[in-house]
């Protein structure tokens, strides 16, 4: 789903401004991308470029082994989880402020329901 929305949004943007370096992403590549974002949140660098640094002092992770900097930045530029083109403008009837995340949050909520997930006391504030 995320790869499909990202590819759709990329094609929409490329119609306006060409990006010859873009090619469609796959679900596997999106999982790797999200994993890299998690790593970047844990191993913080002062600048994103440092994740691709060859300098041993700044060599922070294995992100450069999975993505070139250009590819990572392209995916980051077009990353989308929902189709927002049908959302009415702000202050119009039917406008959804959460349209950018609604699809993914609903899917997560449904998956929790199907799994009958009940958060334990250790993972919630009661």
PDB file of N, CA and C in Angstrom:
ATOM      1  N   UNK A   1       0.817  -1.182   0.000  1.00  0.00           N
ATOM      2  CA  UNK A   1       0.000   0.000   0.000  1.00  0.00           C
ATOM      3  C   UNK A   1       0.869   1.258   0.000  1.00  0.00           C
ATOM      4  N   UNK A   2       1.877   1.324   0.870  1.00  0.00           N
ATOM      5  CA  UNK A   2       2.722   2.517   0.949  1.00  0.00           C
ATOM      6  C   UNK A   2       3.516   2.689  -0.344  1.00  0.00           C
ATOM      7  N   UNK A   3       4.016   1.580  -0.882  1.00  0.00           N
ATOM      8  CA  UNK A   3       4.782   1.697  -2.127  1.00  0.00           C
ATOM      9  C   UNK A   3       3.878   2.166  -3.269  1.00  0.00           C
ATOM     10  N   UNK A   4       2.635   1.694  -3.309  1.00  0.00           N
ATOM     11  CA  UNK A   4       1.703   2.118  -4.352  1.00  0.00           C
ATOM     12  C   UNK A   4       1.400   3.610  -4.240  1.00  0.00           C
ATOM     13  N   UNK A   5       1.136   4.081  -3.030  1.00  0.00           N
ATOM     14  CA  UNK A   5       0.838   5.506  -2.837  1.00  0.00           C
ATOM     15  C   UNK A   5       2.057   6.375  -3.132  1.00  0.00           C
ATOM     16  N   UNK A   6       3.228   5.899  -2.731  1.00  0.00           N
ATOM     17  CA  UNK A   6       4.457   6.646  -3.012  1.00  0.00           C
ATOM     18  C   UNK A   6       4.688   6.732  -4.513  1.00  0.00           C
ATOM     19  N   UNK A   7       4.515   5.626  -5.222  1.00  0.00           N
ATOM     20  CA  UNK A   7       4.684   5.628  -6.681  1.00  0.00           C
ATOM     21  C   UNK A   7       3.666   6.539  -7.362  1.00  0.00           C
ATOM     22  N   UNK A   8       2.423   6.505  -6.893  1.00  0.00           N
ATOM     23  CA  UNK A   8       1.384   7.372  -7.478  1.00  0.00           C
ATOM     24  C   UNK A   8       1.714   8.840  -7.260  1.00  0.00           C
ATOM     25  N   UNK A   9       2.129   9.178  -6.056  1.00  0.00           N
ATOM     26  CA  UNK A   9       2.461  10.565  -5.761  1.00  0.00           C
ATOM     27  C   UNK A   9       3.683  11.012  -6.565  1.00  0.00           C
ATOM     28  N   UNK A  10       4.649  10.123  -6.713  1.00  0.00           N
ATOM     29  CA  UNK A  10       5.845  10.447  -7.509  1.00  0.00           C
ATOM     30  C   UNK A  10       5.448  10.754  -8.949  1.00  0.00           C
ATOM     31  N   UNK A  11       4.593   9.920  -9.524  1.00  0.00           N
ATOM     32  CA  UNK A  11       4.156  10.148 -10.911  1.00  0.00           C
ATOM     33  C   UNK A  11       3.406  11.470 -11.042  1.00  0.00           C
ATOM     34  N   UNK A  12       2.589  11.798 -10.047  1.00  0.00           N
ATOM     35  CA  UNK A  12       1.864  13.063 -10.048  1.00  0.00           C
ATOM     36  C   UNK A  12       2.840  14.245 -10.018  1.00  0.00           C
ATOM     37  N   UNK A  13       3.847  14.166  -9.174  1.00  0.00           N
ATOM     38  CA  UNK A  13       4.847  15.245  -9.071  1.00  0.00           C
ATOM     39  C   UNK A  13       5.720  15.325 -10.312  1.00  0.00           C
ATOM     40  N   UNK A  14       6.069  14.191 -10.874  1.00  0.00           N
ATOM     41  CA  UNK A  14       6.956  14.157 -12.038  1.00  0.00           C
ATOM     42  C   UNK A  14       6.280  14.765 -13.264  1.00  0.00           C
ATOM     43  N   UNK A  15       4.948  14.730 -13.303  1.00  0.00           N
ATOM     44  CA  UNK A  15       4.239  15.389 -14.413  1.00  0.00           C
ATOM     45  C   UNK A  15       4.510  16.892 -14.409  1.00  0.00           C
ATOM     46  N   UNK A  16       4.697  17.459 -13.221  1.00  0.00           N
ATOM     47  CA  UNK A  16       4.959  18.888 -13.085  1.00  0.00           C
ATOM     48  C   UNK A  16       6.436  19.201 -13.242  1.00  0.00           C
ATOM     49  N   UNK A  17       7.286  18.404 -12.592  1.00  0.00           N
ATOM     50  CA  UNK A  17       8.732  18.635 -12.637  1.00  0.00           C
ATOM     51  C   UNK A  17       9.421  17.284 -12.817  1.00  0.00           C
ATOM     52  N   UNK A  18      10.062  17.103 -13.953  1.00  0.00           N
ATOM     53  CA  UNK A  18      10.687  15.820 -14.295  1.00  0.00           C
ATOM     54  C   UNK A  18      11.757  15.425 -13.275  1.00  0.00           C
ATOM     55  N   UNK A  19      11.849  14.126 -13.039  1.00  0.00           N
ATOM     56  CA  UNK A  19      12.891  13.569 -12.179  1.00  0.00           C
ATOM     57  C   UNK A  19      13.390  12.293 -12.863  1.00  0.00           C
ATOM     58  N   UNK A  20      14.398  12.404 -13.729  1.00  0.00           N
ATOM     59  CA  UNK A  20      14.864  11.239 -14.475  1.00  0.00           C
ATOM     60  C   UNK A  20      15.463  10.144 -13.604  1.00  0.00           C
ATOM     61  N   UNK A  21      15.812  10.466 -12.353  1.00  0.00           N
ATOM     62  CA  UNK A  21      16.388   9.467 -11.457  1.00  0.00           C
ATOM     63  C   UNK A  21      15.364   8.610 -10.747  1.00  0.00           C
ATOM     64  N   UNK A  22      14.093   8.929 -10.890  1.00  0.00           N
ATOM     65  CA  UNK A  22      13.064   8.175 -10.172  1.00  0.00           C
ATOM     66  C   UNK A  22      12.686   6.910 -10.917  1.00  0.00           C
ATOM     67  N   UNK A  23      12.541   5.832 -10.178  1.00  0.00           N
ATOM     68  CA  UNK A  23      11.909   4.607 -10.657  1.00  0.00           C
ATOM     69  C   UNK A  23      11.056   4.075  -9.527  1.00  0.00           C
ATOM     70  N   UNK A  24      10.003   3.336  -9.880  1.00  0.00           N
ATOM     71  CA  UNK A  24       9.042   2.884  -8.880  1.00  0.00           C
ATOM     72  C   UNK A  24       9.707   2.073  -7.781  1.00  0.00           C
ATOM     73  N   UNK A  25       9.172   2.262  -6.588  1.00  0.00           N
ATOM     74  CA  UNK A  25       9.642   1.525  -5.426  1.00  0.00           C
ATOM     75  C   UNK A  25       8.819   0.251  -5.258  1.00  0.00           C
ATOM     76  N   UNK A  26       9.275  -0.628  -4.404  1.00  0.00           N
ATOM     77  CA  UNK A  26       8.609  -1.901  -4.144  1.00  0.00           C
ATOM     78  C   UNK A  26       8.278  -1.981  -2.651  1.00  0.00           C
ATOM     79  N   UNK A  27       7.378  -2.887  -2.275  1.00  0.00           N
ATOM     80  CA  UNK A  27       7.096  -3.057  -0.843  1.00  0.00           C
ATOM     81  C   UNK A  27       8.355  -3.406  -0.033  1.00  0.00           C
ATOM     82  N   UNK A  28       9.228  -4.217  -0.596  1.00  0.00           N
ATOM     83  CA  UNK A  28      10.461  -4.583   0.117  1.00  0.00           C
ATOM     84  C   UNK A  28      11.348  -3.355   0.338  1.00  0.00           C
ATOM     85  N   UNK A  29      11.452  -2.522  -0.698  1.00  0.00           N
ATOM     86  CA  UNK A  29      12.271  -1.324  -0.574  1.00  0.00           C
ATOM     87  C   UNK A  29      11.655  -0.356   0.439  1.00  0.00           C
ATOM     88  N   UNK A  30      10.340  -0.269   0.491  1.00  0.00           N
ATOM     89  CA  UNK A  30       9.690   0.605   1.458  1.00  0.00           C
ATOM     90  C   UNK A  30       9.905   0.102   2.882  1.00  0.00           C
ATOM     91  N   UNK A  31       9.895  -1.213   3.085  1.00  0.00           N
ATOM     92  CA  UNK A  31      10.197  -1.745   4.421  1.00  0.00           C
ATOM     93  C   UNK A  31      11.611  -1.372   4.836  1.00  0.00           C
ATOM     94  N   UNK A  32      12.551  -1.478   3.895  1.00  0.00           N
ATOM     95  CA  UNK A  32      13.937  -1.098   4.174  1.00  0.00           C
ATOM     96  C   UNK A  32      14.025   0.403   4.464  1.00  0.00           C
ATOM     97  N   UNK A  33      13.297   1.212   3.712  1.00  0.00           N
ATOM     98  CA  UNK A  33      13.292   2.653   3.925  1.00  0.00           C
ATOM     99  C   UNK A  33      12.777   2.991   5.322  1.00  0.00           C
ATOM    100  N   UNK A  34      11.661   2.380   5.714  1.00  0.00           N
ATOM    101  CA  UNK A  34      11.111   2.633   7.042  1.00  0.00           C
ATOM    102  C   UNK A  34      12.071   2.157   8.131  1.00  0.00           C
ATOM    103  N   UNK A  35      12.736   1.032   7.886  1.00  0.00           N
ATOM    104  CA  UNK A  35      13.748   0.560   8.829  1.00  0.00           C
ATOM    105  C   UNK A  35      14.885   1.554   8.964  1.00  0.00           C
ATOM    106  N   UNK A  36      15.304   2.136   7.859  1.00  0.00           N
ATOM    107  CA  UNK A  36      16.366   3.157   7.891  1.00  0.00           C
ATOM    108  C   UNK A  36      15.924   4.380   8.682  1.00  0.00           C
ATOM    109  N   UNK A  37      14.671   4.775   8.525  1.00  0.00           N
ATOM    110  CA  UNK A  37      14.171   5.922   9.298  1.00  0.00           C
ATOM    111  C   UNK A  37      14.206   5.627  10.793  1.00  0.00           C
ATOM    112  N   UNK A  38      13.900   4.384  11.154  1.00  0.00           N
ATOM    113  CA  UNK A  38      13.969   4.000  12.570  1.00  0.00           C
ATOM    114  C   UNK A  38      15.406   4.068  13.059  1.00  0.00           C
ATOM    115  N   UNK A  39      16.339   3.535  12.269  1.00  0.00           N
ATOM    116  CA  UNK A  39      17.759   3.593  12.634  1.00  0.00           C
ATOM    117  C   UNK A  39      18.204   5.044  12.777  1.00  0.00           C
ATOM    118  N   UNK A  40      17.769   5.895  11.857  1.00  0.00           N
ATOM    119  CA  UNK A  40      18.143   7.311  11.917  1.00  0.00           C
ATOM    120  C   UNK A  40      17.579   7.989  13.166  1.00  0.00           C
ATOM    121  N   UNK A  41      16.476   7.492  13.653  1.00  0.00           N
ATOM    122  CA  UNK A  41      15.912   8.038  14.884  1.00  0.00           C
ATOM    123  C   UNK A  41      16.670   7.582  16.123  1.00  0.00           C
ATOM    124  N   UNK A  42      17.306   6.429  16.025  1.00  0.00           N
ATOM    125  CA  UNK A  42      18.069   5.886  17.154  1.00  0.00           C
ATOM    126  C   UNK A  42      19.507   6.387  17.129  1.00  0.00           C
ATOM    127  N   UNK A  43      20.130   6.332  15.951  1.00  0.00           N
ATOM    128  CA  UNK A  43      21.511   6.785  15.773  1.00  0.00           C
ATOM    129  C   UNK A  43      21.446   8.136  15.075  1.00  0.00           C
ATOM    130  N   UNK A  44      21.388   9.186  15.853  1.00  0.00           N
ATOM    131  CA  UNK A  44      21.182  10.526  15.300  1.00  0.00           C
ATOM    132  C   UNK A  44      22.491  11.119  14.790  1.00  0.00           C
ATOM    133  N   UNK A  45      22.431  11.697  13.618  1.00  0.00           N
ATOM    134  CA  UNK A  45      23.569  12.410  13.029  1.00  0.00           C
ATOM    135  C   UNK A  45      23.189  13.886  12.936  1.00  0.00           C
ATOM    136  N   UNK A  46      24.171  14.775  13.036  1.00  0.00           N
ATOM    137  CA  UNK A  46      23.861  16.205  12.940  1.00  0.00           C
ATOM    138  C   UNK A  46      23.298  16.615  11.581  1.00  0.00           C
ATOM    139  N   UNK A  47      23.615  15.855  10.539  1.00  0.00           N
ATOM    140  CA  UNK A  47      23.099  16.137   9.199  1.00  0.00           C
ATOM    141  C   UNK A  47      22.833  14.805   8.498  1.00  0.00           C
ATOM    142  N   UNK A  48      21.786  14.768   7.705  1.00  0.00           N
ATOM    143  CA  UNK A  48      21.407  13.516   7.037  1.00  0.00           C
ATOM    144  C   UNK A  48      22.519  12.984   6.133  1.00  0.00           C
ATOM    145  N   UNK A  49      23.280  13.863   5.499  1.00  0.00           N
ATOM    146  CA  UNK A  49      24.360  13.436   4.605  1.00  0.00           C
ATOM    147  C   UNK A  49      25.398  12.565   5.307  1.00  0.00           C
ATOM    148  N   UNK A  50      25.545  12.717   6.598  1.00  0.00           N
ATOM    149  CA  UNK A  50      26.569  11.963   7.331  1.00  0.00           C
ATOM    150  C   UNK A  50      26.292  10.460   7.372  1.00  0.00           C
ATOM    151  N   UNK A  51      25.067  10.048   7.116  1.00  0.00           N
ATOM    152  CA  UNK A  51      24.766   8.617   7.072  1.00  0.00           C
ATOM    153  C   UNK A  51      25.448   7.939   5.879  1.00  0.00           C
ATOM    154  N   UNK A  52      25.878   8.738   4.911  1.00  0.00           N
ATOM    155  CA  UNK A  52      26.575   8.212   3.738  1.00  0.00           C
ATOM    156  C   UNK A  52      28.049   8.611   3.719  1.00  0.00           C
ATOM    157  N   UNK A  53      28.546   9.139   4.816  1.00  0.00           N
ATOM    158  CA  UNK A  53      29.933   9.587   4.901  1.00  0.00           C
ATOM    159  C   UNK A  53      30.898   8.405   4.858  1.00  0.00           C
ATOM    160  N   UNK A  54      32.006   8.588   4.180  1.00  0.00           N
ATOM    161  CA  UNK A  54      33.058   7.567   4.136  1.00  0.00           C
ATOM    162  C   UNK A  54      34.031   7.725   5.309  1.00  0.00           C
ATOM    163  N   UNK A  55      33.970   8.852   5.985  1.00  0.00           N
ATOM    164  CA  UNK A  55      34.836   9.132   7.128  1.00  0.00           C
ATOM    165  C   UNK A  55      34.446   8.211   8.289  1.00  0.00           C
ATOM    166  N   UNK A  56      35.396   7.465   8.815  1.00  0.00           N
ATOM    167  CA  UNK A  56      35.130   6.513   9.902  1.00  0.00           C
ATOM    168  C   UNK A  56      34.572   7.217  11.144  1.00  0.00           C
ATOM    169  N   UNK A  57      34.945   8.472  11.336  1.00  0.00           N
ATOM    170  CA  UNK A  57      34.453   9.227  12.484  1.00  0.00           C
ATOM    171  C   UNK A  57      32.941   9.404  12.413  1.00  0.00           C
ATOM    172  N   UNK A  58      32.425   9.568  11.209  1.00  0.00           N
ATOM    173  CA  UNK A  58      31.001   9.808  11.041  1.00  0.00           C
ATOM    174  C   UNK A  58      30.239   8.600  10.517  1.00  0.00           C
ATOM    175  N   UNK A  59      30.909   7.512  10.294  1.00  0.00           N
ATOM    176  CA  UNK A  59      30.249   6.314   9.766  1.00  0.00           C
ATOM    177  C   UNK A  59      29.330   5.751  10.856  1.00  0.00           C
ATOM    178  N   UNK A  60      28.046   6.057  10.742  1.00  0.00           N
ATOM    179  CA  UNK A  60      27.118   5.786  11.833  1.00  0.00           C
ATOM    180  C   UNK A  60      26.304   4.512  11.683  1.00  0.00           C
ATOM    181  N   UNK A  61      26.077   4.076  10.472  1.00  0.00           N
ATOM    182  CA  UNK A  61      25.175   2.940  10.308  1.00  0.00           C
ATOM    183  C   UNK A  61      25.435   2.248   8.979  1.00  0.00           C
ATOM    184  N   UNK A  62      24.599   1.265   8.689  1.00  0.00           N
ATOM    185  CA  UNK A  62      24.732   0.528   7.433  1.00  0.00           C
ATOM    186  C   UNK A  62      23.729   1.018   6.384  1.00  0.00           C
ATOM    187  N   UNK A  63      23.205   2.208   6.562  1.00  0.00           N
ATOM    188  CA  UNK A  63      22.191   2.740   5.641  1.00  0.00           C
ATOM    189  C   UNK A  63      22.735   2.829   4.222  1.00  0.00           C
ATOM    190  N   UNK A  64      23.990   3.251   4.091  1.00  0.00           N
ATOM    191  CA  UNK A  64      24.568   3.411   2.748  1.00  0.00           C
ATOM    192  C   UNK A  64      24.720   2.075   2.024  1.00  0.00           C
ATOM    193  N   UNK A  65      24.699   0.972   2.758  1.00  0.00           N
ATOM    194  CA  UNK A  65      24.769  -0.337   2.115  1.00  0.00           C
ATOM    195  C   UNK A  65      23.449  -0.695   1.451  1.00  0.00           C
ATOM    196  N   UNK A  66      22.353  -0.110   1.903  1.00  0.00           N
ATOM    197  CA  UNK A  66      21.028  -0.427   1.364  1.00  0.00           C
ATOM    198  C   UNK A  66      20.559   0.588   0.326  1.00  0.00           C
ATOM    199  N   UNK A  67      20.881   1.873   0.551  1.00  0.00           N
ATOM    200  CA  UNK A  67      20.407   2.927  -0.327  1.00  0.00           C
ATOM    201  C   UNK A  67      21.537   3.873  -0.692  1.00  0.00           C
ATOM    202  N   UNK A  68      21.541   4.315  -1.931  1.00  0.00           N
ATOM    203  CA  UNK A  68      22.391   5.460  -2.257  1.00  0.00           C
ATOM    204  C   UNK A  68      21.713   6.682  -1.659  1.00  0.00           C
ATOM    205  N   UNK A  69      22.461   7.729  -1.434  1.00  0.00           N
ATOM    206  CA  UNK A  69      21.874   8.940  -0.866  1.00  0.00           C
ATOM    207  C   UNK A  69      20.795   9.491  -1.791  1.00  0.00           C
ATOM    208  N   UNK A  70      21.046   9.472  -3.083  1.00  0.00           N
ATOM    209  CA  UNK A  70      20.074   9.989  -4.049  1.00  0.00           C
ATOM    210  C   UNK A  70      18.773   9.193  -4.006  1.00  0.00           C
ATOM    211  N   UNK A  71      18.883   7.868  -3.967  1.00  0.00           N
ATOM    212  CA  UNK A  71      17.678   7.032  -3.923  1.00  0.00           C
ATOM    213  C   UNK A  71      16.895   7.278  -2.639  1.00  0.00           C
ATOM    214  N   UNK A  72      17.592   7.341  -1.525  1.00  0.00           N
ATOM    215  CA  UNK A  72      16.936   7.590  -0.245  1.00  0.00           C
ATOM    216  C   UNK A  72      16.203   8.931  -0.283  1.00  0.00           C
ATOM    217  N   UNK A  73      16.862   9.958  -0.787  1.00  0.00           N
ATOM    218  CA  UNK A  73      16.245  11.280  -0.849  1.00  0.00           C
ATOM    219  C   UNK A  73      15.066  11.317  -1.806  1.00  0.00           C
ATOM    220  N   UNK A  74      15.140  10.554  -2.903  1.00  0.00           N
ATOM    221  CA  UNK A  74      13.999  10.475  -3.824  1.00  0.00           C
ATOM    222  C   UNK A  74      12.795   9.826  -3.150  1.00  0.00           C
ATOM    223  N   UNK A  75      13.029   8.733  -2.450  1.00  0.00           N
ATOM    224  CA  UNK A  75      11.916   8.076  -1.751  1.00  0.00           C
ATOM    225  C   UNK A  75      11.370   9.008  -0.676  1.00  0.00           C
ATOM    226  N   UNK A  76      12.250   9.669   0.034  1.00  0.00           N
ATOM    227  CA  UNK A  76      11.833  10.609   1.070  1.00  0.00           C
ATOM    228  C   UNK A  76      10.995  11.750   0.468  1.00  0.00           C
ATOM    229  N   UNK A  77      11.376  12.222  -0.691  1.00  0.00           N
ATOM    230  CA  UNK A  77      10.667  13.325  -1.361  1.00  0.00           C
ATOM    231  C   UNK A  77       9.241  12.931  -1.725  1.00  0.00           C
ATOM    232  N   UNK A  78       9.057  11.701  -2.185  1.00  0.00           N
ATOM    233  CA  UNK A  78       7.742  11.282  -2.687  1.00  0.00           C
ATOM    234  C   UNK A  78       6.965  10.394  -1.717  1.00  0.00           C
ATOM    235  N   UNK A  79       7.504  10.141  -0.546  1.00  0.00           N
ATOM    236  CA  UNK A  79       6.871   9.235   0.424  1.00  0.00           C
ATOM    237  C   UNK A  79       5.438   9.683   0.719  1.00  0.00           C
ATOM    238  N   UNK A  80       4.510   8.757   0.525  1.00  0.00           N
ATOM    239  CA  UNK A  80       3.092   9.004   0.788  1.00  0.00           C
ATOM    240  C   UNK A  80       2.454   7.704   1.283  1.00  0.00           C
ATOM    241  N   UNK A  81       1.491   7.846   2.193  1.00  0.00           N
ATOM    242  CA  UNK A  81       0.772   6.658   2.662  1.00  0.00           C
ATOM    243  C   UNK A  81      -0.713   6.707   2.304  1.00  0.00           C
ATOM    244  N   UNK A  82      -1.164   7.815   1.715  1.00  0.00           N
ATOM    245  CA  UNK A  82      -2.580   7.938   1.373  1.00  0.00           C
ATOM    246  C   UNK A  82      -2.763   8.841   0.164  1.00  0.00           C
ATOM    247  N   UNK A  83      -3.832   8.589  -0.571  1.00  0.00           N
ATOM    248  CA  UNK A  83      -4.197   9.437  -1.701  1.00  0.00           C
ATOM    249  C   UNK A  83      -4.955  10.642  -1.149  1.00  0.00           C
ATOM    250  N   UNK A  84      -4.392  11.816  -1.318  1.00  0.00           N
ATOM    251  CA  UNK A  84      -4.997  13.028  -0.759  1.00  0.00           C
ATOM    252  C   UNK A  84      -5.672  13.894  -1.821  1.00  0.00           C
ATOM    253  N   UNK A  85      -5.700  13.428  -3.054  1.00  0.00           N
ATOM    254  CA  UNK A  85      -6.209  14.259  -4.146  1.00  0.00           C
ATOM    255  C   UNK A  85      -7.713  14.502  -4.063  1.00  0.00           C
ATOM    256  N   UNK A  86      -8.456  13.625  -3.398  1.00  0.00           N
ATOM    257  CA  UNK A  86      -9.914  13.773  -3.329  1.00  0.00           C
ATOM    258  C   UNK A  86     -10.378  14.526  -2.093  1.00  0.00           C
ATOM    259  N   UNK A  87      -9.460  14.927  -1.230  1.00  0.00           N
ATOM    260  CA  UNK A  87      -9.825  15.636  -0.005  1.00  0.00           C
ATOM    261  C   UNK A  87     -10.222  17.076  -0.337  1.00  0.00           C
ATOM    262  N   UNK A  88     -11.413  17.507   0.106  1.00  0.00           N
ATOM    263  CA  UNK A  88     -11.824  18.895  -0.150  1.00  0.00           C
ATOM    264  C   UNK A  88     -10.861  19.880   0.520  1.00  0.00           C
ATOM    265  N   UNK A  89     -10.795  21.103   0.010  1.00  0.00           N
ATOM    266  CA  UNK A  89      -9.908  22.109   0.607  1.00  0.00           C
ATOM    267  C   UNK A  89     -10.266  22.386   2.076  1.00  0.00           C
ATOM    268  N   UNK A  90      -9.289  22.906   2.803  1.00  0.00           N
ATOM    269  CA  UNK A  90      -9.482  23.264   4.208  1.00  0.00           C
ATOM    270  C   UNK A  90     -10.672  24.215   4.340  1.00  0.00           C
ATOM    271  N   UNK A  91     -11.408  24.082   5.420  1.00  0.00           N
ATOM    272  CA  UNK A  91     -12.605  24.885   5.732  1.00  0.00           C
ATOM    273  C   UNK A  91     -13.780  24.607   4.800  1.00  0.00           C
ATOM    274  N   UNK A  92     -13.716  23.521   4.037  1.00  0.00           N
ATOM    275  CA  UNK A  92     -14.828  23.103   3.191  1.00  0.00           C
ATOM    276  C   UNK A  92     -15.468  21.865   3.820  1.00  0.00           C
ATOM    277  N   UNK A  93     -16.777  21.659   3.594  1.00  0.00           N
ATOM    278  CA  UNK A  93     -17.428  20.461   4.142  1.00  0.00           C
ATOM    279  C   UNK A  93     -16.736  19.188   3.646  1.00  0.00           C
ATOM    280  N   UNK A  94     -16.527  18.261   4.535  1.00  0.00           N
ATOM    281  CA  UNK A  94     -15.915  16.994   4.172  1.00  0.00           C
ATOM    282  C   UNK A  94     -14.398  16.982   4.235  1.00  0.00           C
ATOM    283  N   UNK A  95     -13.774  18.113   4.543  1.00  0.00           N
ATOM    284  CA  UNK A  95     -12.315  18.158   4.644  1.00  0.00           C
ATOM    285  C   UNK A  95     -11.859  17.291   5.821  1.00  0.00           C
ATOM    286  N   UNK A  96     -10.868  16.460   5.578  1.00  0.00           N
ATOM    287  CA  UNK A  96     -10.330  15.568   6.604  1.00  0.00           C
ATOM    288  C   UNK A  96      -8.918  16.018   6.940  1.00  0.00           C
ATOM    289  N   UNK A  97      -8.718  16.523   8.149  1.00  0.00           N
ATOM    290  CA  UNK A  97      -7.401  17.001   8.568  1.00  0.00           C
ATOM    291  C   UNK A  97      -6.387  15.853   8.638  1.00  0.00           C
ATOM    292  N   UNK A  98      -6.871  14.651   8.837  1.00  0.00           N
ATOM    293  CA  UNK A  98      -5.981  13.498   8.992  1.00  0.00           C
ATOM    294  C   UNK A  98      -5.872  12.656   7.726  1.00  0.00           C
ATOM    295  N   UNK A  99      -6.247  13.213   6.586  1.00  0.00           N
ATOM    296  CA  UNK A  99      -6.253  12.450   5.344  1.00  0.00           C
ATOM    297  C   UNK A  99      -4.888  11.837   5.029  1.00  0.00           C
ATOM    298  N   UNK A 100      -3.804  12.507   5.418  1.00  0.00           N
ATOM    299  CA  UNK A 100      -2.464  11.999   5.113  1.00  0.00           C
ATOM    300  C   UNK A 100      -2.135  10.708   5.855  1.00  0.00           C
ATOM    301  N   UNK A 101      -2.776  10.473   6.977  1.00  0.00           N
ATOM    302  CA  UNK A 101      -2.470   9.270   7.760  1.00  0.00           C
ATOM    303  C   UNK A 101      -3.687   8.385   8.010  1.00  0.00           C
ATOM    304  N   UNK A 102      -4.864   8.832   7.615  1.00  0.00           N
ATOM    305  CA  UNK A 102      -6.089   8.095   7.926  1.00  0.00           C
ATOM    306  C   UNK A 102      -6.048   6.648   7.420  1.00  0.00           C
ATOM    307  N   UNK A 103      -5.636   6.424   6.191  1.00  0.00           N
ATOM    308  CA  UNK A 103      -5.632   5.073   5.616  1.00  0.00           C
ATOM    309  C   UNK A 103      -4.761   4.133   6.437  1.00  0.00           C
ATOM    310  N   UNK A 104      -3.575   4.567   6.776  1.00  0.00           N
ATOM    311  CA  UNK A 104      -2.653   3.695   7.505  1.00  0.00           C
ATOM    312  C   UNK A 104      -3.106   3.476   8.949  1.00  0.00           C
ATOM    313  N   UNK A 105      -3.635   4.512   9.588  1.00  0.00           N
ATOM    314  CA  UNK A 105      -4.096   4.332  10.965  1.00  0.00           C
ATOM    315  C   UNK A 105      -5.317   3.422  11.022  1.00  0.00           C
ATOM    316  N   UNK A 106      -6.190   3.529  10.038  1.00  0.00           N
ATOM    317  CA  UNK A 106      -7.354   2.636   9.994  1.00  0.00           C
ATOM    318  C   UNK A 106      -6.919   1.187   9.777  1.00  0.00           C
ATOM    319  N   UNK A 107      -5.930   0.992   8.910  1.00  0.00           N
ATOM    320  CA  UNK A 107      -5.440  -0.369   8.676  1.00  0.00           C
ATOM    321  C   UNK A 107      -4.802  -0.950   9.944  1.00  0.00           C
ATOM    322  N   UNK A 108      -4.039  -0.144  10.637  1.00  0.00           N
ATOM    323  CA  UNK A 108      -3.427  -0.595  11.893  1.00  0.00           C
ATOM    324  C   UNK A 108      -4.518  -0.930  12.910  1.00  0.00           C
ATOM    325  N   UNK A 109      -5.516  -0.067  13.022  1.00  0.00           N
ATOM    326  CA  UNK A 109      -6.616  -0.302  13.967  1.00  0.00           C
ATOM    327  C   UNK A 109      -7.352  -1.599  13.649  1.00  0.00           C
ATOM    328  N   UNK A 110      -7.627  -1.837  12.365  1.00  0.00           N
ATOM    329  CA  UNK A 110      -8.300  -3.072  11.955  1.00  0.00           C
ATOM    330  C   UNK A 110      -7.437  -4.299  12.255  1.00  0.00           C
ATOM    331  N   UNK A 111      -6.135  -4.194  12.004  1.00  0.00           N
ATOM    332  CA  UNK A 111      -5.250  -5.321  12.309  1.00  0.00           C
ATOM    333  C   UNK A 111      -5.233  -5.622  13.798  1.00  0.00           C
ATOM    334  N   UNK A 112      -5.230  -4.596  14.630  1.00  0.00           N
ATOM    335  CA  UNK A 112      -5.277  -4.812  16.079  1.00  0.00           C
ATOM    336  C   UNK A 112      -6.581  -5.487  16.479  1.00  0.00           C
ATOM    337  N   UNK A 113      -7.688  -5.085  15.855  1.00  0.00           N
ATOM    338  CA  UNK A 113      -8.980  -5.706  16.154  1.00  0.00           C
ATOM    339  C   UNK A 113      -8.980  -7.189  15.774  1.00  0.00           C
ATOM    340  N   UNK A 114      -8.452  -7.489  14.577  1.00  0.00           N
ATOM    341  CA  UNK A 114      -8.425  -8.879  14.105  1.00  0.00           C
ATOM    342  C   UNK A 114      -7.548  -9.747  14.986  1.00  0.00           C
ATOM    343  N   UNK A 115      -6.472  -9.188  15.486  1.00  0.00           N
ATOM    344  CA  UNK A 115      -5.560  -9.943  16.337  1.00  0.00           C
ATOM    345  C   UNK A 115      -6.038  -9.945  17.787  1.00  0.00           C
ATOM    346  N   UNK A 116      -7.096  -9.218  18.051  1.00  0.00           N
ATOM    347  CA  UNK A 116      -7.618  -9.044  19.402  1.00  0.00           C
ATOM    348  C   UNK A 116      -6.496  -8.603  20.333  1.00  0.00           C
ATOM    349  N   UNK A 117      -5.778  -7.591  19.876  1.00  0.00           N
ATOM    350  CA  UNK A 117      -4.642  -7.068  20.630  1.00  0.00           C
ATOM    351  C   UNK A 117      -5.134  -6.270  21.826  1.00  0.00           C
ATOM    352  N   UNK A 118      -4.678  -6.638  22.988  1.00  0.00           N
ATOM    353  CA  UNK A 118      -4.959  -5.893  24.205  1.00  0.00           C
ATOM    354  C   UNK A 118      -3.628  -5.465  24.793  1.00  0.00           C
ATOM    355  N   UNK A 119      -3.432  -4.167  24.855  1.00  0.00           N
ATOM    356  CA  UNK A 119      -2.175  -3.661  25.400  1.00  0.00           C
ATOM    357  C   UNK A 119      -2.059  -4.037  26.871  1.00  0.00           C
ATOM    358  N   UNK A 120      -0.884  -4.445  27.266  1.00  0.00           N
ATOM    359  CA  UNK A 120      -0.629  -4.785  28.659  1.00  0.00           C
ATOM    360  C   UNK A 120      -0.337  -3.522  29.445  1.00  0.00           C
ATOM    361  N   UNK A 121      -0.412  -3.631  30.719  1.00  0.00           N
ATOM    362  CA  UNK A 121      -0.171  -2.485  31.592  1.00  0.00           C
ATOM    363  C   UNK A 121       1.215  -1.888  31.370  1.00  0.00           C
ATOM    364  N   UNK A 122       2.191  -2.719  31.014  1.00  0.00           N
ATOM    365  CA  UNK A 122       3.559  -2.252  30.839  1.00  0.00           C
ATOM    366  C   UNK A 122       3.744  -1.380  29.601  1.00  0.00           C
ATOM    367  N   UNK A 123       2.803  -1.417  28.658  1.00  0.00           N
ATOM    368  CA  UNK A 123       2.953  -0.624  27.432  1.00  0.00           C
ATOM    369  C   UNK A 123       1.922   0.483  27.315  1.00  0.00           C
ATOM    370  N   UNK A 124       1.120   0.683  28.373  1.00  0.00           N
ATOM    371  CA  UNK A 124       0.142   1.759  28.343  1.00  0.00           C
ATOM    372  C   UNK A 124       0.203   2.529  29.662  1.00  0.00           C
ATOM    373  N   UNK A 125      -0.341   3.723  29.617  1.00  0.00           N
ATOM    374  CA  UNK A 125      -0.440   4.522  30.836  1.00  0.00           C
ATOM    375  C   UNK A 125      -1.866   4.393  31.346  1.00  0.00           C
ATOM    376  N   UNK A 126      -2.013   3.894  32.538  1.00  0.00           N
ATOM    377  CA  UNK A 126      -3.343   3.730  33.098  1.00  0.00           C
ATOM    378  C   UNK A 126      -3.499   4.547  34.355  1.00  0.00           C
TER     379      UNK A 126
END
